[in-house]
Amino acid sequence: MDRSAPYYAPKPMDLGAESPGSYRSASAITRVLQVLLWTTVVAAAYMLFTEYEQIQLLARLETGDVTLEEIDRNDATVGLAVVAYAAALCSAGICFFVWFSRSNKNARALGAEAMEFGPNAWGWFFCPLLNLWKPYQAVTELFVSSQDVRRATMPGTIFIAWWAAWVLAQVGGRASAKMMESDTIGTITTGAWVSALSSIAMIAAGVWCIRVVSSIQAEQDRRFGH
């Protein structure tokens, strides 16, 4: 190839990448995200509590030792918990996407080169099947790219734990929703147990996500001289 040519075919990793801009600390966004993630953890814990009550109610239902009033009250409580959890998760998710975009741009501004994932890589969360690993790759790349190359380390087990818990929570939530549509008490009870395990996984994912986000922000602030 003639190196004097004014044009070079773009590398695959360069497609869709933005040119580096100025560094704008994402510390404020990180703090807001941490609060929203904790809110999600609390909402998931509340949902777990209502699911435990539902499991107990289903066990009594098999023996007929339950009133219609108790069933209606539990349905209302579970419904409220689901709405609160969905609202908290949606708010945290939007903030996470904003944080990721800003942090990705900051990594480039700090000198990161040849990054495969751009600021809009959060879109992988909405791609069926690919969302099982692409978002994880994007976040781990962001962590590595945010470090000083002289002391860069690979993501620790906390990243793996966060992503495993997140995937388990999502898969479990979908499976339990299907089971809860059944007409048999046994299947509904199993679905309630799966939903409870999904909530536990979501609590763990939320706590570990806070650590993941904090570690990336700390690396960027350290490099920028904060």
Protein backbone atom coordinates (compact mmCIF):
# COMPACT_ATOMS: atom_id res chain seq x y z
CA MET A 1 0.00 0.00 0.00
CA ASP A 2 1.21 3.50 -0.83
CA ARG A 3 1.68 5.17 2.56
CA SER A 4 1.76 8.58 0.88
CA ALA A 5 -1.83 8.19 -0.24
CA PRO A 6 -4.13 10.75 1.40
CA TYR A 7 -6.81 8.18 2.18
CA TYR A 8 -6.71 4.93 4.12
CA ALA A 9 -9.54 2.46 4.46
CA PRO A 10 -10.91 2.64 8.01
CA LYS A 11 -10.19 -0.18 10.41
CA PRO A 12 -13.28 -2.04 11.73
CA MET A 13 -12.65 -0.69 15.22
CA ASP A 14 -12.69 2.87 13.88
CA LEU A 15 -16.15 2.63 12.37
CA GLY A 16 -18.61 4.78 14.27
CA ALA A 17 -15.92 6.07 16.65
CA GLU A 18 -15.93 9.71 17.61
CA SER A 19 -12.88 11.90 17.58
CA PRO A 20 -11.53 12.62 21.07
CA GLY A 21 -12.97 15.72 22.72
CA SER A 22 -12.13 17.53 25.90
CA TYR A 23 -12.27 15.72 29.23
CA ARG A 24 -15.38 16.45 31.28
CA SER A 25 -15.42 14.63 34.58
CA ALA A 26 -18.40 12.34 35.06
CA SER A 27 -18.13 12.56 38.85
CA ALA A 28 -21.50 14.29 39.24
CA ILE A 29 -23.23 11.77 36.97
CA THR A 30 -21.51 8.95 38.87
CA ARG A 31 -22.87 10.19 42.20
CA VAL A 32 -26.39 10.43 40.82
CA LEU A 33 -26.05 6.95 39.32
CA GLN A 34 -24.85 5.53 42.62
CA VAL A 35 -27.94 6.92 44.38
CA LEU A 36 -30.24 5.52 41.69
CA LEU A 37 -28.54 2.13 41.86
CA TRP A 38 -29.01 2.03 45.62
CA THR A 39 -32.66 2.94 45.05
CA THR A 40 -32.93 -0.02 42.69
CA VAL A 41 -31.35 -2.29 45.30
CA VAL A 42 -33.88 -1.13 47.90
CA ALA A 43 -36.76 -1.60 45.45
CA ALA A 44 -35.53 -5.11 44.60
CA ALA A 45 -35.29 -5.91 48.32
CA TYR A 46 -38.87 -4.73 48.84
CA MET A 47 -40.00 -6.86 45.92
CA LEU A 48 -38.18 -9.85 47.43
CA PHE A 49 -40.11 -9.30 50.67
CA THR A 50 -43.44 -9.28 48.83
CA GLU A 51 -42.43 -12.38 46.85
CA TYR A 52 -41.67 -14.21 50.09
CA GLU A 53 -45.11 -13.32 51.38
CA GLN A 54 -46.58 -14.53 48.09
CA ILE A 55 -44.78 -17.88 48.41
CA GLN A 56 -46.19 -18.32 51.91
CA LEU A 57 -49.66 -17.43 50.65
CA LEU A 58 -49.41 -19.95 47.81
CA ALA A 59 -48.41 -22.68 50.28
CA ARG A 60 -51.51 -21.93 52.35
CA LEU A 61 -53.65 -21.77 49.21
CA GLU A 62 -52.97 -25.43 48.50
CA THR A 63 -54.57 -26.30 51.86
CA GLY A 64 -57.41 -23.81 51.46
CA ASP A 65 -56.25 -21.83 54.52
CA VAL A 66 -56.46 -18.40 52.89
CA THR A 67 -59.11 -15.74 52.35
CA LEU A 68 -59.94 -13.81 49.20
CA GLU A 69 -59.11 -10.61 51.06
CA GLU A 70 -55.56 -11.85 51.74
CA ILE A 71 -55.10 -12.75 48.09
CA ASP A 72 -56.26 -9.32 46.91
CA ARG A 73 -54.04 -7.57 49.45
CA ASN A 74 -51.00 -9.60 48.37
CA ASP A 75 -51.71 -8.94 44.69
CA ALA A 76 -51.85 -5.21 45.38
CA THR A 77 -48.61 -5.31 47.38
CA VAL A 78 -46.76 -7.28 44.72
CA GLY A 79 -48.10 -4.95 42.02
CA LEU A 80 -46.86 -1.90 43.91
CA ALA A 81 -43.45 -3.51 44.38
CA VAL A 82 -43.19 -4.30 40.66
CA VAL A 83 -44.06 -0.71 39.69
CA ALA A 84 -41.55 0.72 42.19
CA TYR A 85 -38.84 -1.65 40.98
CA ALA A 86 -39.52 -0.93 37.31
CA ALA A 87 -39.40 2.83 37.92
CA ALA A 88 -36.15 2.59 39.88
CA LEU A 89 -34.53 0.29 37.30
CA CYS A 90 -35.59 2.49 34.38
CA SER A 91 -34.21 5.62 36.06
CA ALA A 92 -30.92 3.91 36.92
CA GLY A 93 -30.68 2.47 33.41
CA ILE A 94 -31.07 5.84 31.70
CA CYS A 95 -28.49 7.37 34.03
CA PHE A 96 -26.14 4.44 33.39
CA PHE A 97 -26.34 5.03 29.64
CA VAL A 98 -25.57 8.74 30.09
CA TRP A 99 -22.67 7.89 32.40
CA PHE A 100 -21.27 5.30 30.00
CA SER A 101 -21.41 7.69 27.04
CA ARG A 102 -19.64 10.45 28.97
CA SER A 103 -17.04 8.09 30.43
CA ASN A 104 -16.33 6.54 27.03
CA LYS A 105 -15.68 10.00 25.56
CA ASN A 106 -13.48 10.81 28.55
CA ALA A 107 -11.38 7.68 28.00
CA ARG A 108 -10.74 8.82 24.44
CA ALA A 109 -9.94 12.34 25.61
CA LEU A 110 -7.40 10.86 28.03
CA GLY A 111 -5.60 9.17 25.16
CA ALA A 112 -7.27 5.78 24.73
CA GLU A 113 -6.84 4.54 21.18
CA ALA A 114 -8.36 1.79 19.04
CA MET A 115 -11.37 1.29 21.31
CA GLU A 116 -13.80 -1.16 19.77
CA PHE A 117 -16.87 0.26 21.52
CA GLY A 118 -18.00 3.84 21.08
CA PRO A 119 -20.03 6.17 23.36
CA ASN A 120 -23.29 4.68 22.09
CA ALA A 121 -22.33 1.08 22.82
CA TRP A 122 -24.95 1.04 25.59
CA GLY A 123 -27.33 0.21 22.72
CA TRP A 124 -26.10 -3.40 22.94
CA PHE A 125 -28.34 -3.77 25.99
CA PHE A 126 -31.32 -3.77 23.61
CA CYS A 127 -29.99 -6.33 21.11
CA PRO A 128 -31.43 -9.82 21.70
CA LEU A 129 -28.83 -12.50 22.49
CA LEU A 130 -25.93 -10.10 21.88
CA ASN A 131 -26.96 -8.30 25.07
CA LEU A 132 -25.75 -11.36 26.97
CA TRP A 133 -22.08 -10.39 26.48
CA LYS A 134 -21.60 -7.24 24.37
CA PRO A 135 -22.43 -4.73 27.16
CA TYR A 136 -20.00 -6.56 29.46
CA GLN A 137 -17.26 -6.28 26.84
CA ALA A 138 -17.99 -2.57 26.42
CA VAL A 139 -17.76 -1.87 30.16
CA THR A 140 -14.60 -3.92 30.69
CA GLU A 141 -12.96 -2.20 27.72
CA LEU A 142 -13.92 1.14 29.25
CA PHE A 143 -12.26 0.13 32.52
CA VAL A 144 -9.01 -0.91 30.79
CA SER A 145 -9.00 2.17 28.54
CA SER A 146 -9.51 4.48 31.52
CA GLN A 147 -6.29 3.36 33.20
CA ASP A 148 -2.76 4.61 32.90
CA VAL A 149 -1.06 2.16 30.51
CA ARG A 150 1.98 2.02 32.81
CA ARG A 151 -0.04 0.31 35.53
CA ALA A 152 -3.08 -1.02 33.69
CA THR A 153 -4.73 -4.14 35.08
CA MET A 154 -7.48 -6.38 33.77
CA PRO A 155 -10.98 -6.14 35.29
CA GLY A 156 -11.27 -8.06 38.55
CA THR A 157 -13.80 -10.69 39.56
CA ILE A 158 -16.23 -7.96 40.64
CA PHE A 159 -16.93 -7.26 36.95
CA ILE A 160 -17.67 -10.93 36.27
CA ALA A 161 -19.84 -11.17 39.39
CA TRP A 162 -21.79 -8.05 38.41
CA TRP A 163 -22.51 -9.26 34.92
CA ALA A 164 -23.34 -12.84 35.95
CA ALA A 165 -25.81 -11.54 38.54
CA TRP A 166 -27.36 -9.15 36.02
CA VAL A 167 -27.86 -11.88 33.38
CA LEU A 168 -29.25 -14.27 36.01
CA ALA A 169 -31.70 -11.61 37.20
CA GLN A 170 -32.94 -10.90 33.68
CA VAL A 171 -33.25 -14.54 32.62
CA GLY A 172 -34.89 -15.47 35.92
CA GLY A 173 -37.34 -12.59 35.68
CA ARG A 174 -38.50 -13.63 32.21
CA ALA A 175 -38.78 -17.30 33.17
CA SER A 176 -40.79 -16.53 36.31
CA ALA A 177 -43.19 -14.29 34.36
CA LYS A 178 -43.99 -17.20 32.06
CA MET A 179 -44.49 -19.58 34.96
CA MET A 180 -46.79 -17.17 36.78
CA GLU A 181 -49.17 -17.29 33.79
CA SER A 182 -49.87 -20.97 34.49
CA ASP A 183 -53.20 -22.26 35.81
CA THR A 184 -51.60 -24.71 38.25
CA ILE A 185 -50.60 -23.76 41.78
CA GLY A 186 -47.40 -25.82 41.61
CA THR A 187 -46.08 -24.01 38.56
CA ILE A 188 -47.07 -20.62 39.98
CA THR A 189 -45.26 -21.44 43.21
CA THR A 190 -42.15 -22.44 41.28
CA GLY A 191 -42.41 -19.17 39.35
CA ALA A 192 -42.61 -17.26 42.63
CA TRP A 193 -39.44 -18.96 43.86
CA VAL A 194 -37.64 -18.19 40.59
CA SER A 195 -38.79 -14.57 40.85
CA ALA A 196 -37.42 -14.38 44.40
CA LEU A 197 -34.06 -15.73 43.25
CA SER A 198 -34.10 -13.19 40.43
CA SER A 199 -34.63 -10.40 42.97
CA ILE A 200 -31.70 -11.64 45.04
CA ALA A 201 -29.54 -11.64 41.89
CA MET A 202 -30.70 -8.11 41.09
CA ILE A 203 -29.76 -6.90 44.56
CA ALA A 204 -26.28 -8.35 44.11
CA ALA A 205 -26.00 -6.92 40.58
CA GLY A 206 -26.94 -3.47 41.83
CA VAL A 207 -24.38 -3.48 44.63
CA TRP A 208 -21.62 -4.78 42.35
CA CYS A 209 -22.55 -2.33 39.59
CA ILE A 210 -21.94 0.51 42.05
CA ARG A 211 -18.42 -0.81 42.58
CA VAL A 212 -17.83 -1.21 38.84
CA VAL A 213 -18.94 2.34 38.10
CA SER A 214 -16.95 3.73 41.02
CA SER A 215 -13.76 1.93 39.96
CA ILE A 216 -13.96 3.30 36.41
CA GLN A 217 -14.63 6.83 37.62
CA ALA A 218 -11.74 6.58 40.08
CA GLU A 219 -9.35 5.55 37.31
CA GLN A 220 -10.38 8.47 35.12
CA ASP A 221 -10.16 11.03 37.91
CA ARG A 222 -6.76 9.67 38.91
CA ARG A 223 -5.45 10.06 35.38
CA PHE A 224 -6.87 13.52 35.02
CA GLY A 225 -5.14 14.55 38.21
CA HIS A 226 -8.04 14.82 40.63
